[in-house]
Amino acid sequence: MADSNIPTVDLSPFIREGDHEDGKKKAREVISQACSQYGFFQIQNHGLPPELLSRALELSKTFFEYSDYEKRKSSPGSGVQIPAGYNKQPQHSLDKNEYLVMFPPESGFNVYPRNPPEFKEVLEDVFSHLTKLGSLIESTINECLGLPPNFLKEFNHDRSWDLMSAKRYFPATETENNGISEHEDGNCVTFVLQDQIGGLQVKKNGEWIPVTPAQDTVVVNLGDVIQVLSNNKFKSATHRVVRQQGKSRYSYAFFYNLHGDNWVEPLSKFTEEIGETPKYRGFLYKDYQALRIRNKTHPPDKPEDVIHITHYAVTS
């Protein structure tokens, strides 16, 4: 495994008042390089209060330490298509974690835990802050790609498909340590808040790089939508979680998504305008998400049959 860590970007030039163009330029250069190579970086001075991040992880730990009986009071009802609330990976799953899913607070879908009592307020506060952060990172990626001002904002203006998941990864056993199998995210941008246990890894040039936890930082990784729009100029990050023996790992993942009815295909700026052939055929975002969900609910017998964004790749 490679020892080098992923780059850390200071976002304070985008947060502070005043003209900080030199700092913004430096941040964009680091982000552009990371996204063109493997789609992963960390951010600091991002505007999320450190005490909120600490409190969110603390309350998550408290919740997941409750009994299964107590946690399942927050589970979605049977037959519900919107899986908000608490759930656990099936016994046969290669992924070994339990999780609490929430959608935008105004959606009406959420099933909040009653305990700890302040958990609901903190979850909604974190969700709100990460939504704003998503807008900032999206705008920065827009600039890094040289797209017209506000292009991605207008393309991705509906926030109703965003979701956040609080996760607990169970301690590893002597025979297996998989937390989440190697994969790419299907969305636009993902944010990860992680405790100090570690285990998150990203693949770069065929090697796994540990994403070492750093105080008050947020991990950012690009998803398949940005890879397709940019015709592979920016990469969707391949990553996984490896569990440790004797320790649970707690984290949050926020998925800055696209509305399901959006059509996704390589943009002309990265194809016909520069004489490049599109590397993907177009698709509806909700169709791709349906295929990814089926990967989870009906896992293929062969790993090579799992649907990835390569399902839409144009073969020459």
C-alpha atoms as a PDB file:
ATOM      1  CA  MET A   1       0.000   0.000   0.000  1.00  0.00           C
ATOM      2  CA  ALA A   2       1.253   3.497  -0.851  1.00  0.00           C
ATOM      3  CA  ASP A   3       2.230   5.701   2.105  1.00  0.00           C
ATOM      4  CA  SER A   4       1.454   9.063   0.535  1.00  0.00           C
ATOM      5  CA  ASN A   5      -1.735  10.759   1.652  1.00  0.00           C
ATOM      6  CA  ILE A   6      -4.241  12.640  -0.473  1.00  0.00           C
ATOM      7  CA  PRO A   7      -3.894  16.435  -0.845  1.00  0.00           C
ATOM      8  CA  THR A   8      -5.513  18.812   1.631  1.00  0.00           C
ATOM      9  CA  VAL A   9      -7.056  22.018   0.264  1.00  0.00           C
ATOM     10  CA  ASP A  10      -7.570  25.199   2.291  1.00  0.00           C
ATOM     11  CA  LEU A  11     -11.003  26.616   1.456  1.00  0.00           C
ATOM     12  CA  SER A  12     -10.677  29.748   3.581  1.00  0.00           C
ATOM     13  CA  PRO A  13     -10.106  31.994   0.503  1.00  0.00           C
ATOM     14  CA  PHE A  14     -13.618  31.035  -0.646  1.00  0.00           C
ATOM     15  CA  ILE A  15     -15.141  31.490   2.827  1.00  0.00           C
ATOM     16  CA  ARG A  16     -13.565  34.724   4.075  1.00  0.00           C
ATOM     17  CA  GLU A  17     -14.738  38.123   2.924  1.00  0.00           C
ATOM     18  CA  GLY A  18     -12.480  40.078   0.626  1.00  0.00           C
ATOM     19  CA  ASP A  19     -10.355  39.377  -2.429  1.00  0.00           C
ATOM     20  CA  HIS A  20      -8.268  36.224  -1.976  1.00  0.00           C
ATOM     21  CA  GLU A  21      -7.715  35.329  -5.618  1.00  0.00           C
ATOM     22  CA  ASP A  22      -4.205  33.942  -5.078  1.00  0.00           C
ATOM     23  CA  GLY A  23      -5.510  31.506  -2.468  1.00  0.00           C
ATOM     24  CA  LYS A  24      -8.435  30.522  -4.690  1.00  0.00           C
ATOM     25  CA  LYS A  25      -6.116  29.948  -7.631  1.00  0.00           C
ATOM     26  CA  LYS A  26      -3.848  27.703  -5.558  1.00  0.00           C
ATOM     27  CA  ALA A  27      -6.853  25.713  -4.284  1.00  0.00           C
ATOM     28  CA  ARG A  28      -8.212  25.240  -7.807  1.00  0.00           C
ATOM     29  CA  GLU A  29      -4.827  24.009  -9.020  1.00  0.00           C
ATOM     30  CA  VAL A  30      -4.640  21.356  -6.286  1.00  0.00           C
ATOM     31  CA  ILE A  31      -8.248  20.292  -6.838  1.00  0.00           C
ATOM     32  CA  SER A  32      -7.798  20.085 -10.616  1.00  0.00           C
ATOM     33  CA  GLN A  33      -4.717  17.899 -10.291  1.00  0.00           C
ATOM     34  CA  ALA A  34      -6.348  15.586  -7.735  1.00  0.00           C
ATOM     35  CA  CYS A  35      -9.556  15.257  -9.767  1.00  0.00           C
ATOM     36  CA  SER A  36      -7.741  14.560 -13.035  1.00  0.00           C
ATOM     37  CA  GLN A  37      -5.657  11.815 -11.396  1.00  0.00           C
ATOM     38  CA  TYR A  38      -8.026   9.999  -9.037  1.00  0.00           C
ATOM     39  CA  GLY A  39     -10.876  12.233  -7.810  1.00  0.00           C
ATOM     40  CA  PHE A  40     -10.065  12.492  -4.091  1.00  0.00           C
ATOM     41  CA  PHE A  41      -8.951  15.316  -1.790  1.00  0.00           C
ATOM     42  CA  GLN A  42      -9.511  16.656   1.729  1.00  0.00           C
ATOM     43  CA  ILE A  43     -10.637  20.164   2.681  1.00  0.00           C
ATOM     44  CA  GLN A  44     -10.000  22.303   5.738  1.00  0.00           C
ATOM     45  CA  ASN A  45     -11.362  25.707   6.791  1.00  0.00           C
ATOM     46  CA  HIS A  46     -14.554  24.665   5.022  1.00  0.00           C
ATOM     47  CA  GLY A  47     -17.051  26.581   7.126  1.00  0.00           C
ATOM     48  CA  LEU A  48     -18.443  23.636   9.121  1.00  0.00           C
ATOM     49  CA  PRO A  49     -18.131  24.355  12.863  1.00  0.00           C
ATOM     50  CA  PRO A  50     -15.642  21.887  14.413  1.00  0.00           C
ATOM     51  CA  GLU A  51     -17.863  21.475  17.456  1.00  0.00           C
ATOM     52  CA  LEU A  52     -20.759  20.435  15.187  1.00  0.00           C
ATOM     53  CA  LEU A  53     -18.655  17.749  13.506  1.00  0.00           C
ATOM     54  CA  SER A  54     -17.492  16.400  16.871  1.00  0.00           C
ATOM     55  CA  ARG A  55     -21.017  16.426  18.268  1.00  0.00           C
ATOM     56  CA  ALA A  56     -22.412  14.663  15.207  1.00  0.00           C
ATOM     57  CA  LEU A  57     -19.897  11.811  15.500  1.00  0.00           C
ATOM     58  CA  GLU A  58     -20.449  11.592  19.255  1.00  0.00           C
ATOM     59  CA  LEU A  59     -24.235  11.316  18.913  1.00  0.00           C
ATOM     60  CA  SER A  60     -23.905   8.827  16.083  1.00  0.00           C
ATOM     61  CA  LYS A  61     -21.767   6.615  18.312  1.00  0.00           C
ATOM     62  CA  THR A  62     -24.318   6.885  21.106  1.00  0.00           C
ATOM     63  CA  PHE A  63     -27.154   5.914  18.766  1.00  0.00           C
ATOM     64  CA  PHE A  64     -25.396   2.908  17.236  1.00  0.00           C
ATOM     65  CA  GLU A  65     -24.493   1.563  20.675  1.00  0.00           C
ATOM     66  CA  TYR A  66     -28.180   1.173  21.514  1.00  0.00           C
ATOM     67  CA  SER A  67     -29.793  -2.246  21.270  1.00  0.00           C
ATOM     68  CA  ASP A  68     -31.099  -3.480  17.906  1.00  0.00           C
ATOM     69  CA  TYR A  69     -34.588  -3.227  19.344  1.00  0.00           C
ATOM     70  CA  GLU A  70     -34.141   0.477  20.105  1.00  0.00           C
ATOM     71  CA  LYS A  71     -32.453   1.272  16.781  1.00  0.00           C
ATOM     72  CA  ARG A  72     -35.128  -0.472  14.745  1.00  0.00           C
ATOM     73  CA  LYS A  73     -37.720   1.921  16.143  1.00  0.00           C
ATOM     74  CA  SER A  74     -36.200   4.308  13.558  1.00  0.00           C
ATOM     75  CA  SER A  75     -36.413   1.854  10.650  1.00  0.00           C
ATOM     76  CA  PRO A  76     -38.513   2.560   7.538  1.00  0.00           C
ATOM     77  CA  GLY A  77     -41.800   0.668   7.356  1.00  0.00           C
ATOM     78  CA  SER A  78     -42.096  -2.472   5.254  1.00  0.00           C
ATOM     79  CA  GLY A  79     -42.661  -1.820   1.565  1.00  0.00           C
ATOM     80  CA  VAL A  80     -41.440   1.780   1.787  1.00  0.00           C
ATOM     81  CA  GLN A  81     -39.596   2.764  -1.401  1.00  0.00           C
ATOM     82  CA  ILE A  82     -37.709   5.663   0.211  1.00  0.00           C
ATOM     83  CA  PRO A  83     -35.314   3.919   2.638  1.00  0.00           C
ATOM     84  CA  ALA A  84     -34.955   6.707   5.204  1.00  0.00           C
ATOM     85  CA  GLY A  85     -34.079   5.712   8.755  1.00  0.00           C
ATOM     86  CA  TYR A  86     -32.053   2.899  10.324  1.00  0.00           C
ATOM     87  CA  ASN A  87     -30.955  -0.310   8.650  1.00  0.00           C
ATOM     88  CA  LYS A  88     -28.202  -2.902   8.688  1.00  0.00           C
ATOM     89  CA  GLN A  89     -26.442  -4.711   5.877  1.00  0.00           C
ATOM     90  CA  PRO A  90     -27.862  -8.236   5.351  1.00  0.00           C
ATOM     91  CA  GLN A  91     -25.957 -11.071   6.983  1.00  0.00           C
ATOM     92  CA  HIS A  92     -24.760 -12.385   3.596  1.00  0.00           C
ATOM     93  CA  SER A  93     -23.495  -8.987   2.427  1.00  0.00           C
ATOM     94  CA  LEU A  94     -19.770  -8.475   1.931  1.00  0.00           C
ATOM     95  CA  ASP A  95     -20.225  -5.001   3.445  1.00  0.00           C
ATOM     96  CA  LYS A  96     -20.258  -5.035   7.251  1.00  0.00           C
ATOM     97  CA  ASN A  97     -21.932  -1.920   8.575  1.00  0.00           C
ATOM     98  CA  GLU A  98     -25.154  -0.419   9.878  1.00  0.00           C
ATOM     99  CA  TYR A  99     -26.446   2.991   8.897  1.00  0.00           C
ATOM    100  CA  LEU A 100     -28.997   5.758   9.352  1.00  0.00           C
ATOM    101  CA  VAL A 101     -30.158   7.459   6.129  1.00  0.00           C
ATOM    102  CA  MET A 102     -31.743  10.894   5.862  1.00  0.00           C
ATOM    103  CA  PHE A 103     -32.960  13.026   2.976  1.00  0.00           C
ATOM    104  CA  PRO A 104     -33.420  16.823   2.931  1.00  0.00           C
ATOM    105  CA  PRO A 105     -35.145  17.841   6.191  1.00  0.00           C
ATOM    106  CA  GLU A 106     -38.067  19.352   4.274  1.00  0.00           C
ATOM    107  CA  SER A 107     -38.669  16.164   2.260  1.00  0.00           C
ATOM    108  CA  GLY A 108     -41.045  14.538   4.760  1.00  0.00           C
ATOM    109  CA  PHE A 109     -39.378  11.126   4.222  1.00  0.00           C
ATOM    110  CA  ASN A 110     -37.108  11.044   7.253  1.00  0.00           C
ATOM    111  CA  VAL A 111     -37.498   8.659  10.181  1.00  0.00           C
ATOM    112  CA  TYR A 112     -35.513  10.248  12.999  1.00  0.00           C
ATOM    113  CA  PRO A 113     -34.334   8.470  16.144  1.00  0.00           C
ATOM    114  CA  ARG A 114     -36.053   9.670  19.310  1.00  0.00           C
ATOM    115  CA  ASN A 115     -32.834   9.057  21.213  1.00  0.00           C
ATOM    116  CA  PRO A 116     -30.461  10.643  21.795  1.00  0.00           C
ATOM    117  CA  PRO A 117     -32.972  13.539  22.007  1.00  0.00           C
ATOM    118  CA  GLU A 118     -30.752  16.146  20.319  1.00  0.00           C
ATOM    119  CA  PHE A 119     -29.727  13.867  17.434  1.00  0.00           C
ATOM    120  CA  LYS A 120     -32.431  15.096  15.039  1.00  0.00           C
ATOM    121  CA  GLU A 121     -31.402  18.746  15.377  1.00  0.00           C
ATOM    122  CA  VAL A 122     -27.722  17.948  14.876  1.00  0.00           C
ATOM    123  CA  LEU A 123     -28.435  15.754  11.835  1.00  0.00           C
ATOM    124  CA  GLU A 124     -30.436  18.529  10.191  1.00  0.00           C
ATOM    125  CA  ASP A 125     -27.729  21.075  11.007  1.00  0.00           C
ATOM    126  CA  VAL A 126     -25.008  18.900   9.457  1.00  0.00           C
ATOM    127  CA  PHE A 127     -27.190  18.261   6.402  1.00  0.00           C
ATOM    128  CA  SER A 128     -27.723  22.010   5.910  1.00  0.00           C
ATOM    129  CA  HIS A 129     -24.018  22.822   6.196  1.00  0.00           C
ATOM    130  CA  LEU A 130     -23.012  20.039   3.780  1.00  0.00           C
ATOM    131  CA  THR A 131     -25.612  21.175   1.249  1.00  0.00           C
ATOM    132  CA  LYS A 132     -23.999  24.641   1.244  1.00  0.00           C
ATOM    133  CA  LEU A 133     -20.558  23.059   1.012  1.00  0.00           C
ATOM    134  CA  GLY A 134     -21.759  21.023  -1.961  1.00  0.00           C
ATOM    135  CA  SER A 135     -22.715  24.196  -3.769  1.00  0.00           C
ATOM    136  CA  LEU A 136     -19.266  25.681  -3.126  1.00  0.00           C
ATOM    137  CA  ILE A 137     -17.361  22.603  -4.278  1.00  0.00           C
ATOM    138  CA  GLU A 138     -19.618  22.260  -7.331  1.00  0.00           C
ATOM    139  CA  SER A 139     -18.872  25.876  -8.253  1.00  0.00           C
ATOM    140  CA  THR A 140     -15.137  25.291  -7.806  1.00  0.00           C
ATOM    141  CA  ILE A 141     -15.220  22.158  -9.984  1.00  0.00           C
ATOM    142  CA  ASN A 142     -17.156  24.209 -12.559  1.00  0.00           C
ATOM    143  CA  GLU A 143     -14.238  26.658 -12.658  1.00  0.00           C
ATOM    144  CA  CYS A 144     -11.615  23.887 -12.691  1.00  0.00           C
ATOM    145  CA  LEU A 145     -13.272  22.363 -15.747  1.00  0.00           C
ATOM    146  CA  GLY A 146     -13.486  25.736 -17.499  1.00  0.00           C
ATOM    147  CA  LEU A 147     -17.259  25.526 -17.853  1.00  0.00           C
ATOM    148  CA  PRO A 148     -19.438  28.640 -18.308  1.00  0.00           C
ATOM    149  CA  PRO A 149     -20.239  30.383 -14.992  1.00  0.00           C
ATOM    150  CA  ASN A 150     -22.951  28.563 -13.013  1.00  0.00           C
ATOM    151  CA  PHE A 151     -23.219  25.785 -15.599  1.00  0.00           C
ATOM    152  CA  LEU A 152     -23.186  22.940 -13.064  1.00  0.00           C
ATOM    153  CA  LYS A 153     -25.390  24.901 -10.665  1.00  0.00           C
ATOM    154  CA  GLU A 154     -28.068  25.275 -13.334  1.00  0.00           C
ATOM    155  CA  PHE A 155     -27.641  21.682 -14.520  1.00  0.00           C
ATOM    156  CA  ASN A 156     -27.946  20.386 -10.959  1.00  0.00           C
ATOM    157  CA  HIS A 157     -30.336  22.901  -9.386  1.00  0.00           C
ATOM    158  CA  ASP A 158     -32.726  20.455  -7.661  1.00  0.00           C
ATOM    159  CA  ARG A 159     -31.533  19.320  -4.218  1.00  0.00           C
ATOM    160  CA  SER A 160     -34.353  16.859  -3.503  1.00  0.00           C
ATOM    161  CA  TRP A 161     -32.215  13.769  -4.282  1.00  0.00           C
ATOM    162  CA  ASP A 162     -29.416  14.628  -1.838  1.00  0.00           C
ATOM    163  CA  LEU A 163     -28.969  12.207   1.047  1.00  0.00           C
ATOM    164  CA  MET A 164     -26.763  11.638   4.072  1.00  0.00           C
ATOM    165  CA  SER A 165     -25.845   8.422   5.818  1.00  0.00           C
ATOM    166  CA  ALA A 166     -24.414   8.032   9.313  1.00  0.00           C
ATOM    167  CA  LYS A 167     -22.506   4.745   9.451  1.00  0.00           C
ATOM    168  CA  ARG A 168     -21.000   2.369  11.949  1.00  0.00           C
ATOM    169  CA  TYR A 169     -18.546  -0.254  10.671  1.00  0.00           C
ATOM    170  CA  PHE A 170     -18.278  -3.319  12.883  1.00  0.00           C
ATOM    171  CA  PRO A 171     -14.861  -4.473  14.145  1.00  0.00           C
ATOM    172  CA  ALA A 172     -12.991  -6.802  11.818  1.00  0.00           C
ATOM    173  CA  THR A 173     -12.732 -10.510  12.558  1.00  0.00           C
ATOM    174  CA  GLU A 174      -9.677 -12.697  12.195  1.00  0.00           C
ATOM    175  CA  THR A 175     -10.914 -13.887   8.808  1.00  0.00           C
ATOM    176  CA  GLU A 176     -12.347 -10.765   7.112  1.00  0.00           C
ATOM    177  CA  ASN A 177     -12.088  -6.987   7.357  1.00  0.00           C
ATOM    178  CA  ASN A 178     -14.263  -5.593   4.546  1.00  0.00           C
ATOM    179  CA  GLY A 179     -16.326  -2.545   5.516  1.00  0.00           C
ATOM    180  CA  ILE A 180     -17.441  -1.419   2.066  1.00  0.00           C
ATOM    181  CA  SER A 181     -16.142  -3.141  -1.047  1.00  0.00           C
ATOM    182  CA  GLU A 182     -14.171  -1.351  -3.739  1.00  0.00           C
ATOM    183  CA  HIS A 183     -16.506   0.934  -5.698  1.00  0.00           C
ATOM    184  CA  GLU A 184     -17.120   4.366  -7.214  1.00  0.00           C
ATOM    185  CA  ASP A 185     -19.980   6.664  -6.201  1.00  0.00           C
ATOM    186  CA  GLY A 186     -22.652   7.214  -8.843  1.00  0.00           C
ATOM    187  CA  ASN A 187     -23.437  10.817  -7.903  1.00  0.00           C
ATOM    188  CA  CYS A 188     -21.746  14.202  -8.430  1.00  0.00           C
ATOM    189  CA  VAL A 189     -19.740  14.803  -5.238  1.00  0.00           C
ATOM    190  CA  THR A 190     -19.516  12.960  -1.907  1.00  0.00           C
ATOM    191  CA  PHE A 191     -18.365  14.356   1.449  1.00  0.00           C
ATOM    192  CA  VAL A 192     -17.103  12.094   4.229  1.00  0.00           C
ATOM    193  CA  LEU A 193     -16.739  12.977   7.901  1.00  0.00           C
ATOM    194  CA  GLN A 194     -14.735  10.289   9.672  1.00  0.00           C
ATOM    195  CA  ASP A 195     -13.577   9.563  13.195  1.00  0.00           C
ATOM    196  CA  GLN A 196      -9.957   8.859  14.104  1.00  0.00           C
ATOM    197  CA  ILE A 197     -10.105   5.086  13.513  1.00  0.00           C
ATOM    198  CA  GLY A 198      -9.278   5.259   9.812  1.00  0.00           C
ATOM    199  CA  GLY A 199      -9.898   2.582   7.206  1.00  0.00           C
ATOM    200  CA  LEU A 200     -10.971   4.693   4.225  1.00  0.00           C
ATOM    201  CA  GLN A 201      -8.711   4.053   1.227  1.00  0.00           C
ATOM    202  CA  VAL A 202      -8.583   5.426  -2.317  1.00  0.00           C
ATOM    203  CA  LYS A 203      -6.983   3.750  -5.332  1.00  0.00           C
ATOM    204  CA  LYS A 204      -4.416   5.708  -7.310  1.00  0.00           C
ATOM    205  CA  ASN A 205      -2.319   4.158 -10.079  1.00  0.00           C
ATOM    206  CA  GLY A 206      -3.340   0.699  -8.916  1.00  0.00           C
ATOM    207  CA  GLU A 207      -2.264   1.249  -5.308  1.00  0.00           C
ATOM    208  CA  TRP A 208      -4.440   1.805  -2.225  1.00  0.00           C
ATOM    209  CA  ILE A 209      -3.742   5.063  -0.388  1.00  0.00           C
ATOM    210  CA  PRO A 210      -4.992   5.386   3.209  1.00  0.00           C
ATOM    211  CA  VAL A 211      -7.056   8.518   3.810  1.00  0.00           C
ATOM    212  CA  THR A 212      -5.568   9.283   7.196  1.00  0.00           C
ATOM    213  CA  PRO A 213      -8.067  11.049   9.493  1.00  0.00           C
ATOM    214  CA  ALA A 214      -7.107  14.670  10.202  1.00  0.00           C
ATOM    215  CA  GLN A 215      -8.767  16.928  12.744  1.00  0.00           C
ATOM    216  CA  ASP A 216     -11.630  19.074  11.384  1.00  0.00           C
ATOM    217  CA  THR A 217     -11.127  18.009   7.771  1.00  0.00           C
ATOM    218  CA  VAL A 218     -13.775  16.757   5.345  1.00  0.00           C
ATOM    219  CA  VAL A 219     -12.980  14.210   2.631  1.00  0.00           C
ATOM    220  CA  VAL A 220     -14.242  14.968  -0.893  1.00  0.00           C
ATOM    221  CA  ASN A 221     -14.554  12.483  -3.719  1.00  0.00           C
ATOM    222  CA  LEU A 222     -15.990  12.859  -7.189  1.00  0.00           C
ATOM    223  CA  GLY A 223     -18.665  10.533  -8.537  1.00  0.00           C
ATOM    224  CA  ASP A 224     -19.565   9.082 -11.901  1.00  0.00           C
ATOM    225  CA  VAL A 225     -21.691  12.041 -13.053  1.00  0.00           C
ATOM    226  CA  ILE A 226     -18.685  14.395 -13.133  1.00  0.00           C
ATOM    227  CA  GLN A 227     -16.566  11.750 -14.867  1.00  0.00           C
ATOM    228  CA  VAL A 228     -19.156  11.323 -17.617  1.00  0.00           C
ATOM    229  CA  LEU A 229     -19.853  15.057 -18.076  1.00  0.00           C
ATOM    230  CA  SER A 230     -16.114  15.742 -18.398  1.00  0.00           C
ATOM    231  CA  ASN A 231     -15.598  12.719 -20.697  1.00  0.00           C
ATOM    232  CA  ASN A 232     -13.017  11.304 -18.252  1.00  0.00           C
ATOM    233  CA  LYS A 233     -11.106  14.578 -17.782  1.00  0.00           C
ATOM    234  CA  PHE A 234     -12.005  14.303 -14.084  1.00  0.00           C
ATOM    235  CA  LYS A 235     -12.113  10.881 -12.455  1.00  0.00           C
ATOM    236  CA  SER A 236     -14.701   9.164 -10.294  1.00  0.00           C
ATOM    237  CA  ALA A 237     -12.774   7.984  -7.244  1.00  0.00           C
ATOM    238  CA  THR A 238     -12.345   4.263  -6.615  1.00  0.00           C
ATOM    239  CA  HIS A 239     -12.424   3.683  -2.858  1.00  0.00           C
ATOM    240  CA  ARG A 240     -13.205   1.211  -0.096  1.00  0.00           C
ATOM    241  CA  VAL A 241     -13.339   0.901   3.691  1.00  0.00           C
ATOM    242  CA  VAL A 242     -11.206  -1.646   5.561  1.00  0.00           C
ATOM    243  CA  ARG A 243     -12.164  -2.431   9.158  1.00  0.00           C
ATOM    244  CA  GLN A 244      -9.857  -2.794  12.146  1.00  0.00           C
ATOM    245  CA  GLN A 245      -9.984  -5.560  14.730  1.00  0.00           C
ATOM    246  CA  GLY A 246     -11.396  -4.559  18.099  1.00  0.00           C
ATOM    247  CA  LYS A 247     -12.689  -1.157  16.976  1.00  0.00           C
ATOM    248  CA  SER A 248     -15.854   0.184  15.383  1.00  0.00           C
ATOM    249  CA  ARG A 249     -15.532   3.004  12.854  1.00  0.00           C
ATOM    250  CA  TYR A 250     -18.024   5.882  12.741  1.00  0.00           C
ATOM    251  CA  SER A 251     -18.507   8.213   9.793  1.00  0.00           C
ATOM    252  CA  TYR A 252     -20.960  10.298   7.781  1.00  0.00           C
ATOM    253  CA  ALA A 253     -21.276  10.285   4.005  1.00  0.00           C
ATOM    254  CA  PHE A 254     -23.165  13.078   2.268  1.00  0.00           C
ATOM    255  CA  PHE A 255     -24.146  12.504  -1.361  1.00  0.00           C
ATOM    256  CA  TYR A 256     -24.587  15.689  -3.397  1.00  0.00           C
ATOM    257  CA  ASN A 257     -26.805  14.118  -6.001  1.00  0.00           C
ATOM    258  CA  LEU A 258     -28.522  14.818  -9.282  1.00  0.00           C
ATOM    259  CA  HIS A 259     -32.281  14.717  -9.811  1.00  0.00           C
ATOM    260  CA  GLY A 260     -33.322  11.391 -11.293  1.00  0.00           C
ATOM    261  CA  ASP A 261     -34.871  12.906 -14.420  1.00  0.00           C
ATOM    262  CA  ASN A 262     -31.619  14.575 -15.498  1.00  0.00           C
ATOM    263  CA  TRP A 263     -29.996  13.345 -18.694  1.00  0.00           C
ATOM    264  CA  VAL A 264     -26.270  12.666 -18.331  1.00  0.00           C
ATOM    265  CA  GLU A 265     -23.825  12.550 -21.237  1.00  0.00           C
ATOM    266  CA  PRO A 266     -20.362  13.921 -22.093  1.00  0.00           C
ATOM    267  CA  LEU A 267     -20.486  17.686 -22.650  1.00  0.00           C
ATOM    268  CA  SER A 268     -19.621  19.075 -26.072  1.00  0.00           C
ATOM    269  CA  LYS A 269     -16.785  21.105 -24.500  1.00  0.00           C
ATOM    270  CA  PHE A 270     -14.948  17.829 -23.894  1.00  0.00           C
ATOM    271  CA  THR A 271     -15.987  16.066 -27.089  1.00  0.00           C
ATOM    272  CA  GLU A 272     -16.874  17.699 -30.412  1.00  0.00           C
ATOM    273  CA  GLU A 273     -15.385  21.106 -29.529  1.00  0.00           C
ATOM    274  CA  ILE A 274     -11.940  19.513 -29.109  1.00  0.00           C
ATOM    275  CA  GLY A 275     -12.339  16.678 -31.590  1.00  0.00           C
ATOM    276  CA  GLU A 276     -12.755  13.955 -28.962  1.00  0.00           C
ATOM    277  CA  THR A 277     -15.144  11.015 -29.279  1.00  0.00           C
ATOM    278  CA  PRO A 278     -17.699  10.675 -26.436  1.00  0.00           C
ATOM    279  CA  LYS A 279     -16.590   7.886 -24.125  1.00  0.00           C
ATOM    280  CA  TYR A 280     -20.137   7.283 -22.810  1.00  0.00           C
ATOM    281  CA  ARG A 281     -23.629   7.089 -24.241  1.00  0.00           C
ATOM    282  CA  GLY A 282     -26.235   9.245 -22.527  1.00  0.00           C
ATOM    283  CA  PHE A 283     -28.579   7.978 -19.819  1.00  0.00           C
ATOM    284  CA  LEU A 284     -31.199   9.074 -17.308  1.00  0.00           C
ATOM    285  CA  TYR A 285     -29.666   9.394 -13.866  1.00  0.00           C
ATOM    286  CA  LYS A 286     -32.523   7.471 -12.207  1.00  0.00           C
ATOM    287  CA  ASP A 287     -31.991   4.536 -14.588  1.00  0.00           C
ATOM    288  CA  TYR A 288     -28.352   4.277 -13.549  1.00  0.00           C
ATOM    289  CA  GLN A 289     -29.278   4.525  -9.881  1.00  0.00           C
ATOM    290  CA  ALA A 290     -31.826   1.731 -10.313  1.00  0.00           C
ATOM    291  CA  LEU A 291     -29.086  -0.516 -11.709  1.00  0.00           C
ATOM    292  CA  ARG A 292     -26.787   0.347  -8.791  1.00  0.00           C
ATOM    293  CA  ILE A 293     -29.514  -0.404  -6.255  1.00  0.00           C
ATOM    294  CA  ARG A 294     -30.087  -3.767  -7.913  1.00  0.00           C
ATOM    295  CA  ASN A 295     -26.385  -4.500  -7.409  1.00  0.00           C
ATOM    296  CA  LYS A 296     -27.112  -4.297  -3.673  1.00  0.00           C
ATOM    297  CA  THR A 297     -30.493  -6.032  -3.533  1.00  0.00           C
ATOM    298  CA  HIS A 298     -29.631  -8.824  -5.991  1.00  0.00           C
ATOM    299  CA  PRO A 299     -25.826  -9.176  -5.978  1.00  0.00           C
ATOM    300  CA  PRO A 300     -24.544 -10.875  -9.143  1.00  0.00           C
ATOM    301  CA  ASP A 301     -22.822 -14.232  -8.775  1.00  0.00           C
ATOM    302  CA  LYS A 302     -19.740 -12.904 -10.544  1.00  0.00           C
ATOM    303  CA  PRO A 303     -18.038  -9.661  -9.415  1.00  0.00           C
ATOM    304  CA  GLU A 304     -17.482  -8.718 -13.069  1.00  0.00           C
ATOM    305  CA  ASP A 305     -21.265  -8.605 -13.552  1.00  0.00           C
ATOM    306  CA  VAL A 306     -21.696  -5.743 -11.060  1.00  0.00           C
ATOM    307  CA  ILE A 307     -22.923  -2.637 -12.895  1.00  0.00           C
ATOM    308  CA  HIS A 308     -20.485   0.286 -12.992  1.00  0.00           C
ATOM    309  CA  ILE A 309     -20.457   3.432 -15.110  1.00  0.00           C
ATOM    310  CA  THR A 310     -18.640   1.318 -17.700  1.00  0.00           C
ATOM    311  CA  HIS A 311     -22.127  -0.076 -18.454  1.00  0.00           C
ATOM    312  CA  TYR A 312     -22.603   3.096 -20.536  1.00  0.00           C
ATOM    313  CA  ALA A 313     -19.097   3.175 -22.010  1.00  0.00           C
ATOM    314  CA  VAL A 314     -18.815   3.511 -25.783  1.00  0.00           C
ATOM    315  CA  THR A 315     -16.744   0.655 -27.171  1.00  0.00           C
ATOM    316  CA  SER A 316     -14.619   1.393 -30.207  1.00  0.00           C
END
